[in-house]
Amino acid sequence: MAIAYNASVYKEENKEDDFQYISKAKFLLQEKIGEKTSMTQISKKLAVSYSKFRKDFKYITGVSPNQYHLEIRLTKAAELLEASNLSITEIAYQTGFETLFYFSRIFKKKYEMSPKEYRLRHF
């Protein structure tokens, strides 16, 4: 009985170890902030199936890997709008958005104002 109890406690304490690769995935996504990123390629680098990767990632972070990557790109764009003199177009491209239109639309959806308005309020 004690062995079963200790095994269950050990398993619960080391549950985080099972998901260490998610921390590595988050780091890889951060590194690729300005690039179009294939989540399938990320999962291959981590030696795990895409479906397991996606499921575990969402379990740990609360969002899908693609959504997480989009969020960090938008956060970086907001930082650049606040702290740099780069054009909005340049910021869009540096954060991996293929078109200014798409960047502006997604940015406005998250921040409820255009990148230009955001810059004017925060610069």
PDB file of N, CA and C in Angstrom:
ATOM      1  N   MET A   1       0.827  -1.185   0.000  1.00  0.00           N
ATOM      2  CA  MET A   1       0.000   0.000   0.000  1.00  0.00           C
ATOM      3  C   MET A   1       0.876   1.256   0.000  1.00  0.00           C
ATOM      4  N   ALA A   2       1.900   1.257   0.819  1.00  0.00           N
ATOM      5  CA  ALA A   2       2.795   2.414   0.894  1.00  0.00           C
ATOM      6  C   ALA A   2       3.500   2.638  -0.438  1.00  0.00           C
ATOM      7  N   ILE A   3       3.857   1.542  -1.111  1.00  0.00           N
ATOM      8  CA  ILE A   3       4.535   1.660  -2.400  1.00  0.00           C
ATOM      9  C   ILE A   3       3.608   2.322  -3.425  1.00  0.00           C
ATOM     10  N   ALA A   4       2.346   1.906  -3.435  1.00  0.00           N
ATOM     11  CA  ALA A   4       1.380   2.497  -4.367  1.00  0.00           C
ATOM     12  C   ALA A   4       1.191   3.983  -4.073  1.00  0.00           C
ATOM     13  N   TYR A   5       1.116   4.325  -2.793  1.00  0.00           N
ATOM     14  CA  TYR A   5       0.952   5.724  -2.408  1.00  0.00           C
ATOM     15  C   TYR A   5       2.168   6.551  -2.845  1.00  0.00           C
ATOM     16  N   ASN A   6       3.361   6.048  -2.537  1.00  0.00           N
ATOM     17  CA  ASN A   6       4.582   6.763  -2.909  1.00  0.00           C
ATOM     18  C   ASN A   6       4.692   6.926  -4.420  1.00  0.00           C
ATOM     19  N   ALA A   7       4.291   5.907  -5.151  1.00  0.00           N
ATOM     20  CA  ALA A   7       4.333   5.979  -6.615  1.00  0.00           C
ATOM     21  C   ALA A   7       3.386   7.063  -7.123  1.00  0.00           C
ATOM     22  N   SER A   8       2.199   7.146  -6.539  1.00  0.00           N
ATOM     23  CA  SER A   8       1.247   8.162  -6.990  1.00  0.00           C
ATOM     24  C   SER A   8       1.733   9.565  -6.627  1.00  0.00           C
ATOM     25  N   VAL A   9       2.322   9.729  -5.460  1.00  0.00           N
ATOM     26  CA  VAL A   9       2.864  11.027  -5.054  1.00  0.00           C
ATOM     27  C   VAL A   9       4.022  11.407  -5.969  1.00  0.00           C
ATOM     28  N   TYR A  10       4.912  10.457  -6.249  1.00  0.00           N
ATOM     29  CA  TYR A  10       6.052  10.713  -7.129  1.00  0.00           C
ATOM     30  C   TYR A  10       5.569  11.111  -8.522  1.00  0.00           C
ATOM     31  N   LYS A  11       4.571  10.386  -9.006  1.00  0.00           N
ATOM     32  CA  LYS A  11       4.035  10.685 -10.339  1.00  0.00           C
ATOM     33  C   LYS A  11       3.453  12.089 -10.378  1.00  0.00           C
ATOM     34  N   GLU A  12       2.723  12.489  -9.341  1.00  0.00           N
ATOM     35  CA  GLU A  12       2.121  13.820  -9.288  1.00  0.00           C
ATOM     36  C   GLU A  12       3.192  14.902  -9.189  1.00  0.00           C
ATOM     37  N   GLU A  13       4.234  14.666  -8.352  1.00  0.00           N
ATOM     38  CA  GLU A  13       5.299  15.646  -8.186  1.00  0.00           C
ATOM     39  C   GLU A  13       6.093  15.837  -9.476  1.00  0.00           C
ATOM     40  N   ASN A  14       6.223  14.777 -10.273  1.00  0.00           N
ATOM     41  CA  ASN A  14       7.038  14.834 -11.482  1.00  0.00           C
ATOM     42  C   ASN A  14       6.219  15.001 -12.745  1.00  0.00           C
ATOM     43  N   LYS A  15       4.971  15.351 -12.585  1.00  0.00           N
ATOM     44  CA  LYS A  15       4.109  15.587 -13.742  1.00  0.00           C
ATOM     45  C   LYS A  15       4.680  16.702 -14.613  1.00  0.00           C
ATOM     46  N   GLU A  16       5.259  17.720 -13.978  1.00  0.00           N
ATOM     47  CA  GLU A  16       5.867  18.830 -14.722  1.00  0.00           C
ATOM     48  C   GLU A  16       6.976  18.328 -15.634  1.00  0.00           C
ATOM     49  N   ASP A  17       7.729  17.309 -15.204  1.00  0.00           N
ATOM     50  CA  ASP A  17       8.806  16.758 -16.025  1.00  0.00           C
ATOM     51  C   ASP A  17       8.276  16.234 -17.352  1.00  0.00           C
ATOM     52  N   ASP A  18       7.061  15.702 -17.336  1.00  0.00           N
ATOM     53  CA  ASP A  18       6.455  15.182 -18.556  1.00  0.00           C
ATOM     54  C   ASP A  18       6.230  16.290 -19.580  1.00  0.00           C
ATOM     55  N   PHE A  19       6.144  17.505 -19.116  1.00  0.00           N
ATOM     56  CA  PHE A  19       5.829  18.627 -19.997  1.00  0.00           C
ATOM     57  C   PHE A  19       6.993  19.597 -20.174  1.00  0.00           C
ATOM     58  N   GLN A  20       8.212  19.170 -19.816  1.00  0.00           N
ATOM     59  CA  GLN A  20       9.368  20.060 -19.970  1.00  0.00           C
ATOM     60  C   GLN A  20       9.546  20.482 -21.416  1.00  0.00           C
ATOM     61  N   TYR A  21       9.168  19.632 -22.326  1.00  0.00           N
ATOM     62  CA  TYR A  21       9.344  19.964 -23.734  1.00  0.00           C
ATOM     63  C   TYR A  21       8.467  21.145 -24.148  1.00  0.00           C
ATOM     64  N   ILE A  22       7.428  21.432 -23.398  1.00  0.00           N
ATOM     65  CA  ILE A  22       6.586  22.594 -23.698  1.00  0.00           C
ATOM     66  C   ILE A  22       7.372  23.879 -23.447  1.00  0.00           C
ATOM     67  N   SER A  23       8.190  23.909 -22.413  1.00  0.00           N
ATOM     68  CA  SER A  23       9.046  25.073 -22.164  1.00  0.00           C
ATOM     69  C   SER A  23      10.017  25.278 -23.319  1.00  0.00           C
ATOM     70  N   LYS A  24      10.554  24.191 -23.822  1.00  0.00           N
ATOM     71  CA  LYS A  24      11.454  24.277 -24.972  1.00  0.00           C
ATOM     72  C   LYS A  24      10.691  24.779 -26.199  1.00  0.00           C
ATOM     73  N   ALA A  25       9.470  24.307 -26.375  1.00  0.00           N
ATOM     74  CA  ALA A  25       8.637  24.754 -27.500  1.00  0.00           C
ATOM     75  C   ALA A  25       8.380  26.252 -27.399  1.00  0.00           C
ATOM     76  N   LYS A  26       8.078  26.739 -26.207  1.00  0.00           N
ATOM     77  CA  LYS A  26       7.831  28.170 -26.015  1.00  0.00           C
ATOM     78  C   LYS A  26       9.079  28.972 -26.366  1.00  0.00           C
ATOM     79  N   PHE A  27      10.224  28.456 -25.995  1.00  0.00           N
ATOM     80  CA  PHE A  27      11.493  29.117 -26.338  1.00  0.00           C
ATOM     81  C   PHE A  27      11.692  29.140 -27.858  1.00  0.00           C
ATOM     82  N   LEU A  28      11.445  28.018 -28.516  1.00  0.00           N
ATOM     83  CA  LEU A  28      11.591  27.952 -29.971  1.00  0.00           C
ATOM     84  C   LEU A  28      10.642  28.918 -30.664  1.00  0.00           C
ATOM     85  N   LEU A  29       9.430  29.030 -30.175  1.00  0.00           N
ATOM     86  CA  LEU A  29       8.462  29.959 -30.758  1.00  0.00           C
ATOM     87  C   LEU A  29       8.898  31.405 -30.547  1.00  0.00           C
ATOM     88  N   GLN A  30       9.479  31.684 -29.407  1.00  0.00           N
ATOM     89  CA  GLN A  30       9.988  33.028 -29.124  1.00  0.00           C
ATOM     90  C   GLN A  30      11.132  33.363 -30.084  1.00  0.00           C
ATOM     91  N   GLU A  31      11.997  32.378 -30.324  1.00  0.00           N
ATOM     92  CA  GLU A  31      13.117  32.578 -31.250  1.00  0.00           C
ATOM     93  C   GLU A  31      12.641  32.872 -32.670  1.00  0.00           C
ATOM     94  N   LYS A  32      11.518  32.309 -33.049  1.00  0.00           N
ATOM     95  CA  LYS A  32      11.005  32.433 -34.408  1.00  0.00           C
ATOM     96  C   LYS A  32       9.903  33.487 -34.502  1.00  0.00           C
ATOM     97  N   ILE A  33      10.030  34.519 -33.710  1.00  0.00           N
ATOM     98  CA  ILE A  33       8.977  35.531 -33.623  1.00  0.00           C
ATOM     99  C   ILE A  33       8.729  36.232 -34.957  1.00  0.00           C
ATOM    100  N   GLY A  34       9.761  36.393 -35.763  1.00  0.00           N
ATOM    101  CA  GLY A  34       9.597  37.099 -37.025  1.00  0.00           C
ATOM    102  C   GLY A  34       9.433  36.199 -38.225  1.00  0.00           C
ATOM    103  N   GLU A  35       9.210  34.928 -37.977  1.00  0.00           N
ATOM    104  CA  GLU A  35       9.123  33.956 -39.069  1.00  0.00           C
ATOM    105  C   GLU A  35       7.791  33.232 -39.065  1.00  0.00           C
ATOM    106  N   LYS A  36       7.402  32.806 -40.242  1.00  0.00           N
ATOM    107  CA  LYS A  36       6.257  31.908 -40.330  1.00  0.00           C
ATOM    108  C   LYS A  36       6.758  30.566 -39.801  1.00  0.00           C
ATOM    109  N   THR A  37       6.034  30.005 -38.862  1.00  0.00           N
ATOM    110  CA  THR A  37       6.515  28.817 -38.165  1.00  0.00           C
ATOM    111  C   THR A  37       5.552  27.659 -38.322  1.00  0.00           C
ATOM    112  N   SER A  38       6.100  26.516 -38.675  1.00  0.00           N
ATOM    113  CA  SER A  38       5.311  25.298 -38.799  1.00  0.00           C
ATOM    114  C   SER A  38       5.308  24.572 -37.459  1.00  0.00           C
ATOM    115  N   MET A  39       4.145  24.417 -36.894  1.00  0.00           N
ATOM    116  CA  MET A  39       4.042  23.714 -35.612  1.00  0.00           C
ATOM    117  C   MET A  39       4.390  22.240 -35.771  1.00  0.00           C
ATOM    118  N   THR A  40       4.171  21.711 -36.961  1.00  0.00           N
ATOM    119  CA  THR A  40       4.559  20.321 -37.225  1.00  0.00           C
ATOM    120  C   THR A  40       6.078  20.190 -37.134  1.00  0.00           C
ATOM    121  N   GLN A  41       6.795  21.167 -37.682  1.00  0.00           N
ATOM    122  CA  GLN A  41       8.264  21.139 -37.606  1.00  0.00           C
ATOM    123  C   GLN A  41       8.745  21.293 -36.162  1.00  0.00           C
ATOM    124  N   ILE A  42       8.085  22.144 -35.408  1.00  0.00           N
ATOM    125  CA  ILE A  42       8.437  22.309 -33.988  1.00  0.00           C
ATOM    126  C   ILE A  42       8.245  20.984 -33.258  1.00  0.00           C
ATOM    127  N   SER A  43       7.109  20.334 -33.497  1.00  0.00           N
ATOM    128  CA  SER A  43       6.855  19.063 -32.804  1.00  0.00           C
ATOM    129  C   SER A  43       7.887  18.007 -33.217  1.00  0.00           C
ATOM    130  N   LYS A  44       8.315  18.025 -34.473  1.00  0.00           N
ATOM    131  CA  LYS A  44       9.358  17.083 -34.910  1.00  0.00           C
ATOM    132  C   LYS A  44      10.674  17.349 -34.189  1.00  0.00           C
ATOM    133  N   LYS A  45      11.025  18.629 -34.036  1.00  0.00           N
ATOM    134  CA  LYS A  45      12.249  18.980 -33.306  1.00  0.00           C
ATOM    135  C   LYS A  45      12.196  18.480 -31.870  1.00  0.00           C
ATOM    136  N   LEU A  46      10.995  18.452 -31.324  1.00  0.00           N
ATOM    137  CA  LEU A  46      10.814  18.028 -29.941  1.00  0.00           C
ATOM    138  C   LEU A  46      10.594  16.521 -29.815  1.00  0.00           C
ATOM    139  N   ALA A  47      10.581  15.834 -30.960  1.00  0.00           N
ATOM    140  CA  ALA A  47      10.411  14.376 -31.013  1.00  0.00           C
ATOM    141  C   ALA A  47       9.098  13.920 -30.379  1.00  0.00           C
ATOM    142  N   VAL A  48       8.021  14.625 -30.753  1.00  0.00           N
ATOM    143  CA  VAL A  48       6.697  14.269 -30.253  1.00  0.00           C
ATOM    144  C   VAL A  48       5.711  14.471 -31.402  1.00  0.00           C
ATOM    145  N   SER A  49       4.641  13.707 -31.396  1.00  0.00           N
ATOM    146  CA  SER A  49       3.662  13.859 -32.469  1.00  0.00           C
ATOM    147  C   SER A  49       2.992  15.230 -32.360  1.00  0.00           C
ATOM    148  N   TYR A  50       2.535  15.735 -33.507  1.00  0.00           N
ATOM    149  CA  TYR A  50       1.893  17.049 -33.506  1.00  0.00           C
ATOM    150  C   TYR A  50       0.655  17.046 -32.616  1.00  0.00           C
ATOM    151  N   SER A  51      -0.150  15.984 -32.684  1.00  0.00           N
ATOM    152  CA  SER A  51      -1.385  15.975 -31.891  1.00  0.00           C
ATOM    153  C   SER A  51      -1.087  15.987 -30.390  1.00  0.00           C
ATOM    154  N   LYS A  52      -0.074  15.240 -29.964  1.00  0.00           N
ATOM    155  CA  LYS A  52       0.307  15.253 -28.547  1.00  0.00           C
ATOM    156  C   LYS A  52       0.867  16.622 -28.168  1.00  0.00           C
ATOM    157  N   PHE A  53       1.703  17.171 -29.028  1.00  0.00           N
ATOM    158  CA  PHE A  53       2.276  18.495 -28.793  1.00  0.00           C
ATOM    159  C   PHE A  53       1.174  19.540 -28.620  1.00  0.00           C
ATOM    160  N   ARG A  54       0.228  19.557 -29.546  1.00  0.00           N
ATOM    161  CA  ARG A  54      -0.846  20.544 -29.502  1.00  0.00           C
ATOM    162  C   ARG A  54      -1.688  20.372 -28.233  1.00  0.00           C
ATOM    163  N   LYS A  55      -2.025  19.126 -27.922  1.00  0.00           N
ATOM    164  CA  LYS A  55      -2.849  18.842 -26.746  1.00  0.00           C
ATOM    165  C   LYS A  55      -2.127  19.253 -25.456  1.00  0.00           C
ATOM    166  N   ASP A  56      -0.871  18.856 -25.320  1.00  0.00           N
ATOM    167  CA  ASP A  56      -0.108  19.197 -24.119  1.00  0.00           C
ATOM    168  C   ASP A  56       0.143  20.701 -24.021  1.00  0.00           C
ATOM    169  N   PHE A  57       0.441  21.328 -25.154  1.00  0.00           N
ATOM    170  CA  PHE A  57       0.691  22.760 -25.165  1.00  0.00           C
ATOM    171  C   PHE A  57      -0.537  23.521 -24.680  1.00  0.00           C
ATOM    172  N   LYS A  58      -1.683  23.134 -25.204  1.00  0.00           N
ATOM    173  CA  LYS A  58      -2.923  23.802 -24.800  1.00  0.00           C
ATOM    174  C   LYS A  58      -3.239  23.521 -23.329  1.00  0.00           C
ATOM    175  N   TYR A  59      -2.953  22.319 -22.868  1.00  0.00           N
ATOM    176  CA  TYR A  59      -3.185  21.957 -21.470  1.00  0.00           C
ATOM    177  C   TYR A  59      -2.339  22.840 -20.540  1.00  0.00           C
ATOM    178  N   ILE A  60      -1.079  23.067 -20.911  1.00  0.00           N
ATOM    179  CA  ILE A  60      -0.153  23.829 -20.073  1.00  0.00           C
ATOM    180  C   ILE A  60      -0.393  25.334 -20.182  1.00  0.00           C
ATOM    181  N   THR A  61      -0.584  25.836 -21.401  1.00  0.00           N
ATOM    182  CA  THR A  61      -0.650  27.286 -21.600  1.00  0.00           C
ATOM    183  C   THR A  61      -2.072  27.838 -21.686  1.00  0.00           C
ATOM    184  N   GLY A  62      -3.020  26.978 -22.011  1.00  0.00           N
ATOM    185  CA  GLY A  62      -4.399  27.440 -22.164  1.00  0.00           C
ATOM    186  C   GLY A  62      -4.747  27.874 -23.571  1.00  0.00           C
ATOM    187  N   VAL A  63      -3.746  27.898 -24.459  1.00  0.00           N
ATOM    188  CA  VAL A  63      -3.978  28.267 -25.862  1.00  0.00           C
ATOM    189  C   VAL A  63      -3.213  27.310 -26.770  1.00  0.00           C
ATOM    190  N   SER A  64      -3.625  27.261 -28.022  1.00  0.00           N
ATOM    191  CA  SER A  64      -2.928  26.407 -28.989  1.00  0.00           C
ATOM    192  C   SER A  64      -1.550  26.988 -29.286  1.00  0.00           C
ATOM    193  N   PRO A  65      -0.641  26.177 -29.824  1.00  0.00           N
ATOM    194  CA  PRO A  65       0.681  26.707 -30.182  1.00  0.00           C
ATOM    195  C   PRO A  65       0.596  27.869 -31.179  1.00  0.00           C
ATOM    196  N   ASN A  66      -0.283  27.762 -32.168  1.00  0.00           N
ATOM    197  CA  ASN A  66      -0.423  28.844 -33.144  1.00  0.00           C
ATOM    198  C   ASN A  66      -0.918  30.127 -32.484  1.00  0.00           C
ATOM    199  N   GLN A  67      -1.882  30.004 -31.602  1.00  0.00           N
ATOM    200  CA  GLN A  67      -2.411  31.177 -30.903  1.00  0.00           C
ATOM    201  C   GLN A  67      -1.338  31.784 -30.009  1.00  0.00           C
ATOM    202  N   TYR A  68      -0.565  30.947 -29.339  1.00  0.00           N
ATOM    203  CA  TYR A  68       0.526  31.422 -28.487  1.00  0.00           C
ATOM    204  C   TYR A  68       1.537  32.213 -29.320  1.00  0.00           C
ATOM    205  N   HIS A  69       1.902  31.652 -30.471  1.00  0.00           N
ATOM    206  CA  HIS A  69       2.869  32.316 -31.349  1.00  0.00           C
ATOM    207  C   HIS A  69       2.327  33.667 -31.826  1.00  0.00           C
ATOM    208  N   LEU A  70       1.060  33.703 -32.185  1.00  0.00           N
ATOM    209  CA  LEU A  70       0.428  34.956 -32.610  1.00  0.00           C
ATOM    210  C   LEU A  70       0.456  35.980 -31.474  1.00  0.00           C
ATOM    211  N   GLU A  71       0.154  35.548 -30.269  1.00  0.00           N
ATOM    212  CA  GLU A  71       0.135  36.450 -29.111  1.00  0.00           C
ATOM    213  C   GLU A  71       1.516  37.052 -28.840  1.00  0.00           C
ATOM    214  N   ILE A  72       2.565  36.238 -28.907  1.00  0.00           N
ATOM    215  CA  ILE A  72       3.896  36.791 -28.633  1.00  0.00           C
ATOM    216  C   ILE A  72       4.335  37.732 -29.760  1.00  0.00           C
ATOM    217  N   ARG A  73       3.904  37.455 -30.986  1.00  0.00           N
ATOM    218  CA  ARG A  73       4.213  38.356 -32.094  1.00  0.00           C
ATOM    219  C   ARG A  73       3.503  39.700 -31.920  1.00  0.00           C
ATOM    220  N   LEU A  74       2.246  39.665 -31.511  1.00  0.00           N
ATOM    221  CA  LEU A  74       1.506  40.908 -31.288  1.00  0.00           C
ATOM    222  C   LEU A  74       2.070  41.699 -30.109  1.00  0.00           C
ATOM    223  N   THR A  75       2.470  41.005 -29.074  1.00  0.00           N
ATOM    224  CA  THR A  75       3.077  41.660 -27.912  1.00  0.00           C
ATOM    225  C   THR A  75       4.378  42.347 -28.315  1.00  0.00           C
ATOM    226  N   LYS A  76       5.186  41.656 -29.116  1.00  0.00           N
ATOM    227  CA  LYS A  76       6.443  42.234 -29.605  1.00  0.00           C
ATOM    228  C   LYS A  76       6.154  43.455 -30.483  1.00  0.00           C
ATOM    229  N   ALA A  77       5.146  43.362 -31.329  1.00  0.00           N
ATOM    230  CA  ALA A  77       4.775  44.491 -32.187  1.00  0.00           C
ATOM    231  C   ALA A  77       4.371  45.696 -31.333  1.00  0.00           C
ATOM    232  N   ALA A  78       3.598  45.454 -30.293  1.00  0.00           N
ATOM    233  CA  ALA A  78       3.183  46.546 -29.404  1.00  0.00           C
ATOM    234  C   ALA A  78       4.402  47.187 -28.731  1.00  0.00           C
ATOM    235  N   GLU A  79       5.347  46.358 -28.310  1.00  0.00           N
ATOM    236  CA  GLU A  79       6.578  46.880 -27.706  1.00  0.00           C
ATOM    237  C   GLU A  79       7.345  47.752 -28.697  1.00  0.00           C
ATOM    238  N   LEU A  80       7.446  47.293 -29.935  1.00  0.00           N
ATOM    239  CA  LEU A  80       8.157  48.066 -30.961  1.00  0.00           C
ATOM    240  C   LEU A  80       7.431  49.367 -31.282  1.00  0.00           C
ATOM    241  N   LEU A  81       6.112  49.329 -31.281  1.00  0.00           N
ATOM    242  CA  LEU A  81       5.346  50.557 -31.520  1.00  0.00           C
ATOM    243  C   LEU A  81       5.599  51.584 -30.419  1.00  0.00           C
ATOM    244  N   GLU A  82       5.756  51.100 -29.210  1.00  0.00           N
ATOM    245  CA  GLU A  82       5.983  51.981 -28.071  1.00  0.00           C
ATOM    246  C   GLU A  82       7.410  52.517 -28.006  1.00  0.00           C
ATOM    247  N   ALA A  83       8.366  51.697 -28.381  1.00  0.00           N
ATOM    248  CA  ALA A  83       9.758  52.029 -28.078  1.00  0.00           C
ATOM    249  C   ALA A  83      10.653  52.290 -29.288  1.00  0.00           C
ATOM    250  N   SER A  84      10.117  52.288 -30.484  1.00  0.00           N
ATOM    251  CA  SER A  84      10.985  52.494 -31.640  1.00  0.00           C
ATOM    252  C   SER A  84      10.373  53.486 -32.617  1.00  0.00           C
ATOM    253  N   ASN A  85      11.186  53.900 -33.540  1.00  0.00           N
ATOM    254  CA  ASN A  85      10.733  54.786 -34.604  1.00  0.00           C
ATOM    255  C   ASN A  85      10.519  54.018 -35.907  1.00  0.00           C
ATOM    256  N   LEU A  86      10.532  52.701 -35.835  1.00  0.00           N
ATOM    257  CA  LEU A  86      10.304  51.898 -37.031  1.00  0.00           C
ATOM    258  C   LEU A  86       8.913  52.179 -37.579  1.00  0.00           C
ATOM    259  N   SER A  87       8.794  52.098 -38.893  1.00  0.00           N
ATOM    260  CA  SER A  87       7.469  52.281 -39.487  1.00  0.00           C
ATOM    261  C   SER A  87       6.579  51.105 -39.110  1.00  0.00           C
ATOM    262  N   ILE A  88       5.305  51.321 -39.189  1.00  0.00           N
ATOM    263  CA  ILE A  88       4.351  50.250 -38.869  1.00  0.00           C
ATOM    264  C   ILE A  88       4.537  49.085 -39.830  1.00  0.00           C
ATOM    265  N   THR A  89       4.827  49.377 -41.078  1.00  0.00           N
ATOM    266  CA  THR A  89       5.077  48.324 -42.064  1.00  0.00           C
ATOM    267  C   THR A  89       6.287  47.492 -41.662  1.00  0.00           C
ATOM    268  N   GLU A  90       7.367  48.153 -41.252  1.00  0.00           N
ATOM    269  CA  GLU A  90       8.581  47.449 -40.837  1.00  0.00           C
ATOM    270  C   GLU A  90       8.310  46.594 -39.599  1.00  0.00           C
ATOM    271  N   ILE A  91       7.550  47.107 -38.674  1.00  0.00           N
ATOM    272  CA  ILE A  91       7.201  46.339 -37.470  1.00  0.00           C
ATOM    273  C   ILE A  91       6.390  45.113 -37.853  1.00  0.00           C
ATOM    274  N   ALA A  92       5.463  45.279 -38.770  1.00  0.00           N
ATOM    275  CA  ALA A  92       4.650  44.142 -39.228  1.00  0.00           C
ATOM    276  C   ALA A  92       5.546  43.048 -39.793  1.00  0.00           C
ATOM    277  N   TYR A  93       6.488  43.413 -40.636  1.00  0.00           N
ATOM    278  CA  TYR A  93       7.372  42.420 -41.250  1.00  0.00           C
ATOM    279  C   TYR A  93       8.345  41.815 -40.240  1.00  0.00           C
ATOM    280  N   GLN A  94       8.833  42.631 -39.314  1.00  0.00           N
ATOM    281  CA  GLN A  94       9.760  42.111 -38.295  1.00  0.00           C
ATOM    282  C   GLN A  94       9.092  41.123 -37.351  1.00  0.00           C
ATOM    283  N   THR A  95       7.807  41.232 -37.208  1.00  0.00           N
ATOM    284  CA  THR A  95       7.090  40.320 -36.316  1.00  0.00           C
ATOM    285  C   THR A  95       6.383  39.204 -37.085  1.00  0.00           C
ATOM    286  N   GLY A  96       6.760  39.038 -38.348  1.00  0.00           N
ATOM    287  CA  GLY A  96       6.331  37.875 -39.111  1.00  0.00           C
ATOM    288  C   GLY A  96       4.989  37.974 -39.815  1.00  0.00           C
ATOM    289  N   PHE A  97       4.445  39.157 -39.951  1.00  0.00           N
ATOM    290  CA  PHE A  97       3.182  39.304 -40.669  1.00  0.00           C
ATOM    291  C   PHE A  97       3.494  39.565 -42.139  1.00  0.00           C
ATOM    292  N   GLU A  98       2.823  38.846 -43.002  1.00  0.00           N
ATOM    293  CA  GLU A  98       3.128  38.927 -44.428  1.00  0.00           C
ATOM    294  C   GLU A  98       2.582  40.191 -45.083  1.00  0.00           C
ATOM    295  N   THR A  99       1.486  40.717 -44.550  1.00  0.00           N
ATOM    296  CA  THR A  99       0.925  41.943 -45.119  1.00  0.00           C
ATOM    297  C   THR A  99       0.586  42.916 -44.009  1.00  0.00           C
ATOM    298  N   LEU A 100       0.657  44.186 -44.348  1.00  0.00           N
ATOM    299  CA  LEU A 100       0.294  45.236 -43.403  1.00  0.00           C
ATOM    300  C   LEU A 100      -1.195  45.159 -43.058  1.00  0.00           C
ATOM    301  N   PHE A 101      -2.009  44.824 -44.051  1.00  0.00           N
ATOM    302  CA  PHE A 101      -3.443  44.722 -43.833  1.00  0.00           C
ATOM    303  C   PHE A 101      -3.764  43.657 -42.774  1.00  0.00           C
ATOM    304  N   TYR A 102      -3.180  42.478 -42.917  1.00  0.00           N
ATOM    305  CA  TYR A 102      -3.424  41.394 -41.955  1.00  0.00           C
ATOM    306  C   TYR A 102      -2.932  41.794 -40.559  1.00  0.00           C
ATOM    307  N   PHE A 103      -1.733  42.370 -40.504  1.00  0.00           N
ATOM    308  CA  PHE A 103      -1.188  42.816 -39.224  1.00  0.00           C
ATOM    309  C   PHE A 103      -2.128  43.817 -38.551  1.00  0.00           C
ATOM    310  N   SER A 104      -2.557  44.814 -39.305  1.00  0.00           N
ATOM    311  CA  SER A 104      -3.434  45.849 -38.740  1.00  0.00           C
ATOM    312  C   SER A 104      -4.747  45.265 -38.250  1.00  0.00           C
ATOM    313  N   ARG A 105      -5.300  44.352 -39.020  1.00  0.00           N
ATOM    314  CA  ARG A 105      -6.580  43.739 -38.647  1.00  0.00           C
ATOM    315  C   ARG A 105      -6.453  42.930 -37.360  1.00  0.00           C
ATOM    316  N   ILE A 106      -5.419  42.107 -37.271  1.00  0.00           N
ATOM    317  CA  ILE A 106      -5.218  41.268 -36.084  1.00  0.00           C
ATOM    318  C   ILE A 106      -4.849  42.129 -34.876  1.00  0.00           C
ATOM    319  N   PHE A 107      -4.008  43.138 -35.090  1.00  0.00           N
ATOM    320  CA  PHE A 107      -3.609  44.033 -34.005  1.00  0.00           C
ATOM    321  C   PHE A 107      -4.821  44.749 -33.430  1.00  0.00           C
ATOM    322  N   LYS A 108      -5.665  45.256 -34.321  1.00  0.00           N
ATOM    323  CA  LYS A 108      -6.856  45.982 -33.881  1.00  0.00           C
ATOM    324  C   LYS A 108      -7.811  45.068 -33.115  1.00  0.00           C
ATOM    325  N   LYS A 109      -7.891  43.828 -33.534  1.00  0.00           N
ATOM    326  CA  LYS A 109      -8.753  42.855 -32.854  1.00  0.00           C
ATOM    327  C   LYS A 109      -8.286  42.638 -31.410  1.00  0.00           C
ATOM    328  N   LYS A 110      -6.965  42.572 -31.213  1.00  0.00           N
ATOM    329  CA  LYS A 110      -6.425  42.340 -29.873  1.00  0.00           C
ATOM    330  C   LYS A 110      -6.446  43.597 -29.009  1.00  0.00           C
ATOM    331  N   TYR A 111      -6.001  44.717 -29.558  1.00  0.00           N
ATOM    332  CA  TYR A 111      -5.828  45.929 -28.757  1.00  0.00           C
ATOM    333  C   TYR A 111      -6.968  46.940 -28.891  1.00  0.00           C
ATOM    334  N   GLU A 112      -7.936  46.623 -29.728  1.00  0.00           N
ATOM    335  CA  GLU A 112      -9.108  47.478 -29.949  1.00  0.00           C
ATOM    336  C   GLU A 112      -8.740  48.871 -30.445  1.00  0.00           C
ATOM    337  N   MET A 113      -7.637  48.962 -31.154  1.00  0.00           N
ATOM    338  CA  MET A 113      -7.225  50.192 -31.840  1.00  0.00           C
ATOM    339  C   MET A 113      -6.184  49.808 -32.886  1.00  0.00           C
ATOM    340  N   SER A 114      -6.063  50.644 -33.873  1.00  0.00           N
ATOM    341  CA  SER A 114      -5.101  50.374 -34.937  1.00  0.00           C
ATOM    342  C   SER A 114      -3.677  50.532 -34.401  1.00  0.00           C
ATOM    343  N   PRO A 115      -2.690  49.967 -35.095  1.00  0.00           N
ATOM    344  CA  PRO A 115      -1.300  50.171 -34.673  1.00  0.00           C
ATOM    345  C   PRO A 115      -0.932  51.666 -34.596  1.00  0.00           C
ATOM    346  N   LYS A 116      -1.435  52.455 -35.532  1.00  0.00           N
ATOM    347  CA  LYS A 116      -1.148  53.891 -35.535  1.00  0.00           C
ATOM    348  C   LYS A 116      -1.723  54.555 -34.276  1.00  0.00           C
ATOM    349  N   GLU A 117      -2.970  54.233 -33.950  1.00  0.00           N
ATOM    350  CA  GLU A 117      -3.582  54.791 -32.742  1.00  0.00           C
ATOM    351  C   GLU A 117      -2.819  54.340 -31.498  1.00  0.00           C
ATOM    352  N   TYR A 118      -2.411  53.063 -31.474  1.00  0.00           N
ATOM    353  CA  TYR A 118      -1.667  52.521 -30.344  1.00  0.00           C
ATOM    354  C   TYR A 118      -0.377  53.305 -30.151  1.00  0.00           C
ATOM    355  N   ARG A 119       0.331  53.533 -31.246  1.00  0.00           N
ATOM    356  CA  ARG A 119       1.595  54.270 -31.166  1.00  0.00           C
ATOM    357  C   ARG A 119       1.359  55.680 -30.632  1.00  0.00           C
ATOM    358  N   LEU A 120       0.354  56.353 -31.130  1.00  0.00           N
ATOM    359  CA  LEU A 120       0.073  57.722 -30.688  1.00  0.00           C
ATOM    360  C   LEU A 120      -0.255  57.785 -29.197  1.00  0.00           C
ATOM    361  N   ARG A 121      -0.919  56.783 -28.688  1.00  0.00           N
ATOM    362  CA  ARG A 121      -1.302  56.761 -27.265  1.00  0.00           C
ATOM    363  C   ARG A 121      -0.151  56.350 -26.353  1.00  0.00           C
ATOM    364  N   HIS A 122       0.786  55.570 -26.869  1.00  0.00           N
ATOM    365  CA  HIS A 122       1.815  54.983 -26.008  1.00  0.00           C
ATOM    366  C   HIS A 122       3.227  55.484 -26.282  1.00  0.00           C
ATOM    367  N   PHE A 123       3.431  56.280 -27.265  1.00  0.00           N
ATOM    368  CA  PHE A 123       4.796  56.711 -27.625  1.00  0.00           C
ATOM    369  C   PHE A 123       5.169  57.971 -26.890  1.00  0.00           C
TER     370      PHE A 123
END
